[in-house]
Amino acid sequence: MDFTFLLGLLAGLLTTTAFVPQVLRTWRTKSANDLSTGMFVVFCSGVTLWLIYGILTRDFPVIIANAVTLMLALTILAMKFKYR
């Protein structure tokens, strides 16, 4: 593995794990009132496009990071609607 690949994996790991505390907090409190629905819809759309880009360019770090980020962001969005 070269430095660029490892850098991509590290960047993806950090940006993806940033969502874990929010998922856990929303799940524990059963409240997502302070989260912007619009922001998460736009964010999920952008992450979906990044995922497609990663697939088309066969960029493994981009694919993995955005697939996991999309799952976490969609989980938050689903809880936003569930816990209204």
N, C-alpha and C. Protein backbone atom coordinates (compact mmCIF):
# COMPACT_ATOMS: atom_id res chain seq x y z
N MET A 1 0.85 -1.19 0.00
CA MET A 1 0.00 0.00 0.00
C MET A 1 0.88 1.24 0.00
N ASP A 2 0.54 2.16 -0.86
CA ASP A 2 1.33 3.38 -0.93
C ASP A 2 0.75 4.45 0.01
N PHE A 3 1.49 5.51 0.19
CA PHE A 3 1.12 6.59 1.11
C PHE A 3 -0.22 7.21 0.75
N THR A 4 -0.47 7.44 -0.53
CA THR A 4 -1.73 8.07 -0.96
C THR A 4 -2.93 7.21 -0.59
N PHE A 5 -2.83 5.92 -0.78
CA PHE A 5 -3.90 4.99 -0.42
C PHE A 5 -4.16 5.03 1.08
N LEU A 6 -3.09 4.96 1.87
CA LEU A 6 -3.23 5.01 3.33
C LEU A 6 -3.81 6.34 3.80
N LEU A 7 -3.40 7.41 3.16
CA LEU A 7 -3.94 8.73 3.48
C LEU A 7 -5.45 8.77 3.22
N GLY A 8 -5.87 8.20 2.10
CA GLY A 8 -7.29 8.13 1.78
C GLY A 8 -8.06 7.31 2.79
N LEU A 9 -7.49 6.18 3.21
CA LEU A 9 -8.15 5.36 4.22
C LEU A 9 -8.27 6.09 5.55
N LEU A 10 -7.22 6.78 5.96
CA LEU A 10 -7.25 7.52 7.22
C LEU A 10 -8.25 8.67 7.16
N ALA A 11 -8.26 9.40 6.07
CA ALA A 11 -9.22 10.50 5.91
C ALA A 11 -10.65 9.97 5.96
N GLY A 12 -10.90 8.89 5.27
CA GLY A 12 -12.22 8.28 5.28
C GLY A 12 -12.62 7.79 6.66
N LEU A 13 -11.69 7.18 7.36
CA LEU A 13 -11.96 6.69 8.71
C LEU A 13 -12.35 7.83 9.63
N LEU A 14 -11.60 8.92 9.59
CA LEU A 14 -11.87 10.05 10.48
C LEU A 14 -13.20 10.73 10.16
N THR A 15 -13.46 10.99 8.89
CA THR A 15 -14.71 11.68 8.54
C THR A 15 -15.93 10.79 8.75
N THR A 16 -15.76 9.50 8.59
CA THR A 16 -16.87 8.58 8.79
C THR A 16 -17.18 8.40 10.27
N THR A 17 -16.16 8.19 11.08
CA THR A 17 -16.39 7.97 12.51
C THR A 17 -16.90 9.23 13.20
N ALA A 18 -16.80 10.36 12.57
CA ALA A 18 -17.33 11.59 13.16
C ALA A 18 -18.84 11.51 13.36
N PHE A 19 -19.52 10.67 12.60
CA PHE A 19 -20.97 10.54 12.71
C PHE A 19 -21.40 9.57 13.81
N VAL A 20 -20.53 8.72 14.25
CA VAL A 20 -20.90 7.70 15.24
C VAL A 20 -21.44 8.31 16.53
N PRO A 21 -20.78 9.33 17.12
CA PRO A 21 -21.34 9.91 18.34
C PRO A 21 -22.75 10.48 18.15
N GLN A 22 -23.02 11.07 17.00
CA GLN A 22 -24.36 11.62 16.76
C GLN A 22 -25.40 10.52 16.62
N VAL A 23 -25.04 9.44 15.95
CA VAL A 23 -25.96 8.30 15.83
C VAL A 23 -26.27 7.75 17.23
N LEU A 24 -25.25 7.55 18.03
CA LEU A 24 -25.44 7.00 19.38
C LEU A 24 -26.27 7.94 20.25
N ARG A 25 -25.97 9.23 20.19
CA ARG A 25 -26.70 10.19 21.01
C ARG A 25 -28.18 10.26 20.61
N THR A 26 -28.43 10.29 19.32
CA THR A 26 -29.81 10.34 18.83
C THR A 26 -30.56 9.08 19.22
N TRP A 27 -29.91 7.94 19.14
CA TRP A 27 -30.52 6.67 19.50
C TRP A 27 -30.82 6.61 21.00
N ARG A 28 -29.84 7.06 21.82
CA ARG A 28 -30.04 7.03 23.28
C ARG A 28 -31.13 7.98 23.75
N THR A 29 -31.13 9.20 23.23
CA THR A 29 -32.08 10.22 23.69
C THR A 29 -33.43 10.12 23.00
N LYS A 30 -33.47 9.37 21.90
CA LYS A 30 -34.69 9.26 21.09
C LYS A 30 -35.18 10.64 20.64
N SER A 31 -34.22 11.53 20.38
CA SER A 31 -34.56 12.88 19.95
C SER A 31 -33.57 13.35 18.89
N ALA A 32 -34.13 13.92 17.84
CA ALA A 32 -33.30 14.49 16.78
C ALA A 32 -33.82 15.88 16.41
N ASN A 33 -34.49 16.50 17.36
CA ASN A 33 -35.11 17.80 17.10
C ASN A 33 -34.13 18.87 16.68
N ASP A 34 -32.93 18.84 17.22
CA ASP A 34 -31.94 19.88 16.92
C ASP A 34 -31.19 19.64 15.61
N LEU A 35 -31.45 18.54 14.94
CA LEU A 35 -30.76 18.24 13.69
C LEU A 35 -31.57 18.74 12.50
N SER A 36 -30.89 19.31 11.55
CA SER A 36 -31.54 19.86 10.37
C SER A 36 -31.84 18.75 9.35
N THR A 37 -33.12 18.57 9.07
CA THR A 37 -33.53 17.58 8.07
C THR A 37 -32.96 17.96 6.70
N GLY A 38 -33.07 19.21 6.34
CA GLY A 38 -32.56 19.67 5.04
C GLY A 38 -31.08 19.40 4.88
N MET A 39 -30.32 19.67 5.92
CA MET A 39 -28.88 19.43 5.85
C MET A 39 -28.59 17.96 5.63
N PHE A 40 -29.28 17.07 6.34
CA PHE A 40 -29.02 15.65 6.18
C PHE A 40 -29.48 15.12 4.84
N VAL A 41 -30.55 15.66 4.27
CA VAL A 41 -30.99 15.25 2.93
C VAL A 41 -29.94 15.65 1.90
N VAL A 42 -29.48 16.88 1.98
CA VAL A 42 -28.45 17.36 1.04
C VAL A 42 -27.16 16.58 1.25
N PHE A 43 -26.78 16.37 2.49
CA PHE A 43 -25.56 15.63 2.79
C PHE A 43 -25.62 14.21 2.25
N CYS A 44 -26.73 13.52 2.48
CA CYS A 44 -26.88 12.15 1.97
C CYS A 44 -26.82 12.12 0.44
N SER A 45 -27.38 13.13 -0.20
CA SER A 45 -27.31 13.21 -1.66
C SER A 45 -25.87 13.36 -2.12
N GLY A 46 -25.12 14.23 -1.46
CA GLY A 46 -23.72 14.42 -1.81
C GLY A 46 -22.88 13.18 -1.57
N VAL A 47 -23.11 12.52 -0.45
CA VAL A 47 -22.37 11.29 -0.15
C VAL A 47 -22.71 10.20 -1.15
N THR A 48 -23.96 10.13 -1.58
CA THR A 48 -24.35 9.16 -2.60
C THR A 48 -23.58 9.42 -3.89
N LEU A 49 -23.47 10.67 -4.28
CA LEU A 49 -22.71 11.01 -5.49
C LEU A 49 -21.23 10.66 -5.33
N TRP A 50 -20.66 10.90 -4.14
CA TRP A 50 -19.27 10.53 -3.90
C TRP A 50 -19.11 9.01 -3.98
N LEU A 51 -20.08 8.29 -3.47
CA LEU A 51 -20.04 6.82 -3.54
C LEU A 51 -20.06 6.35 -4.99
N ILE A 52 -20.94 6.93 -5.79
CA ILE A 52 -20.99 6.59 -7.22
C ILE A 52 -19.67 6.93 -7.89
N TYR A 53 -19.13 8.10 -7.58
CA TYR A 53 -17.83 8.50 -8.12
C TYR A 53 -16.76 7.47 -7.77
N GLY A 54 -16.73 7.07 -6.50
CA GLY A 54 -15.74 6.08 -6.06
C GLY A 54 -15.88 4.76 -6.80
N ILE A 55 -17.12 4.35 -7.01
CA ILE A 55 -17.36 3.10 -7.75
C ILE A 55 -16.88 3.23 -9.20
N LEU A 56 -17.22 4.34 -9.83
CA LEU A 56 -16.83 4.55 -11.23
C LEU A 56 -15.31 4.64 -11.40
N THR A 57 -14.63 5.23 -10.42
CA THR A 57 -13.17 5.37 -10.52
C THR A 57 -12.44 4.23 -9.82
N ARG A 58 -13.22 3.32 -9.22
CA ARG A 58 -12.65 2.17 -8.50
C ARG A 58 -11.68 2.61 -7.41
N ASP A 59 -12.08 3.63 -6.68
CA ASP A 59 -11.26 4.19 -5.60
C ASP A 59 -11.76 3.61 -4.28
N PHE A 60 -11.07 2.57 -3.81
CA PHE A 60 -11.50 1.82 -2.64
C PHE A 60 -11.71 2.69 -1.40
N PRO A 61 -10.78 3.58 -1.02
CA PRO A 61 -11.02 4.40 0.17
C PRO A 61 -12.28 5.27 0.03
N VAL A 62 -12.52 5.81 -1.15
CA VAL A 62 -13.71 6.65 -1.36
C VAL A 62 -14.98 5.79 -1.26
N ILE A 63 -14.94 4.59 -1.82
CA ILE A 63 -16.10 3.70 -1.77
C ILE A 63 -16.43 3.32 -0.33
N ILE A 64 -15.46 2.84 0.40
CA ILE A 64 -15.70 2.37 1.77
C ILE A 64 -16.15 3.52 2.67
N ALA A 65 -15.43 4.63 2.63
CA ALA A 65 -15.76 5.76 3.51
C ALA A 65 -17.17 6.28 3.23
N ASN A 66 -17.51 6.43 1.98
CA ASN A 66 -18.81 6.99 1.65
C ASN A 66 -19.95 5.99 1.84
N ALA A 67 -19.70 4.71 1.66
CA ALA A 67 -20.74 3.71 1.92
C ALA A 67 -21.09 3.70 3.40
N VAL A 68 -20.08 3.70 4.26
CA VAL A 68 -20.33 3.69 5.70
C VAL A 68 -20.93 5.02 6.16
N THR A 69 -20.39 6.13 5.64
CA THR A 69 -20.94 7.44 6.00
C THR A 69 -22.40 7.55 5.59
N LEU A 70 -22.73 7.06 4.41
CA LEU A 70 -24.12 7.11 3.95
C LEU A 70 -25.02 6.29 4.87
N MET A 71 -24.57 5.13 5.29
CA MET A 71 -25.37 4.31 6.21
C MET A 71 -25.60 5.05 7.53
N LEU A 72 -24.56 5.68 8.06
CA LEU A 72 -24.69 6.40 9.32
C LEU A 72 -25.60 7.62 9.17
N ALA A 73 -25.42 8.38 8.10
CA ALA A 73 -26.24 9.57 7.88
C ALA A 73 -27.70 9.20 7.64
N LEU A 74 -27.94 8.13 6.89
CA LEU A 74 -29.31 7.68 6.67
C LEU A 74 -29.94 7.16 7.97
N THR A 75 -29.14 6.58 8.83
CA THR A 75 -29.63 6.15 10.14
C THR A 75 -30.09 7.35 10.95
N ILE A 76 -29.29 8.40 10.95
CA ILE A 76 -29.67 9.63 11.65
C ILE A 76 -30.94 10.21 11.04
N LEU A 77 -31.01 10.25 9.73
CA LEU A 77 -32.19 10.79 9.05
C LEU A 77 -33.43 9.96 9.38
N ALA A 78 -33.30 8.65 9.40
CA ALA A 78 -34.43 7.78 9.74
C ALA A 78 -34.89 8.02 11.18
N MET A 79 -33.94 8.19 12.09
CA MET A 79 -34.30 8.47 13.47
C MET A 79 -34.95 9.84 13.61
N LYS A 80 -34.53 10.77 12.76
CA LYS A 80 -35.14 12.11 12.76
C LYS A 80 -36.64 11.99 12.49
N PHE A 81 -37.01 11.16 11.55
CA PHE A 81 -38.43 10.97 11.23
C PHE A 81 -39.14 10.09 12.26
N LYS A 82 -38.44 9.07 12.76
CA LYS A 82 -39.04 8.15 13.71
C LYS A 82 -39.34 8.82 15.05
N TYR A 83 -38.43 9.67 15.53
CA TYR A 83 -38.57 10.25 16.85
C TYR A 83 -39.21 11.64 16.83
N ARG A 84 -40.03 11.94 15.86
CA ARG A 84 -40.71 13.25 15.79
C ARG A 84 -41.57 13.49 16.99
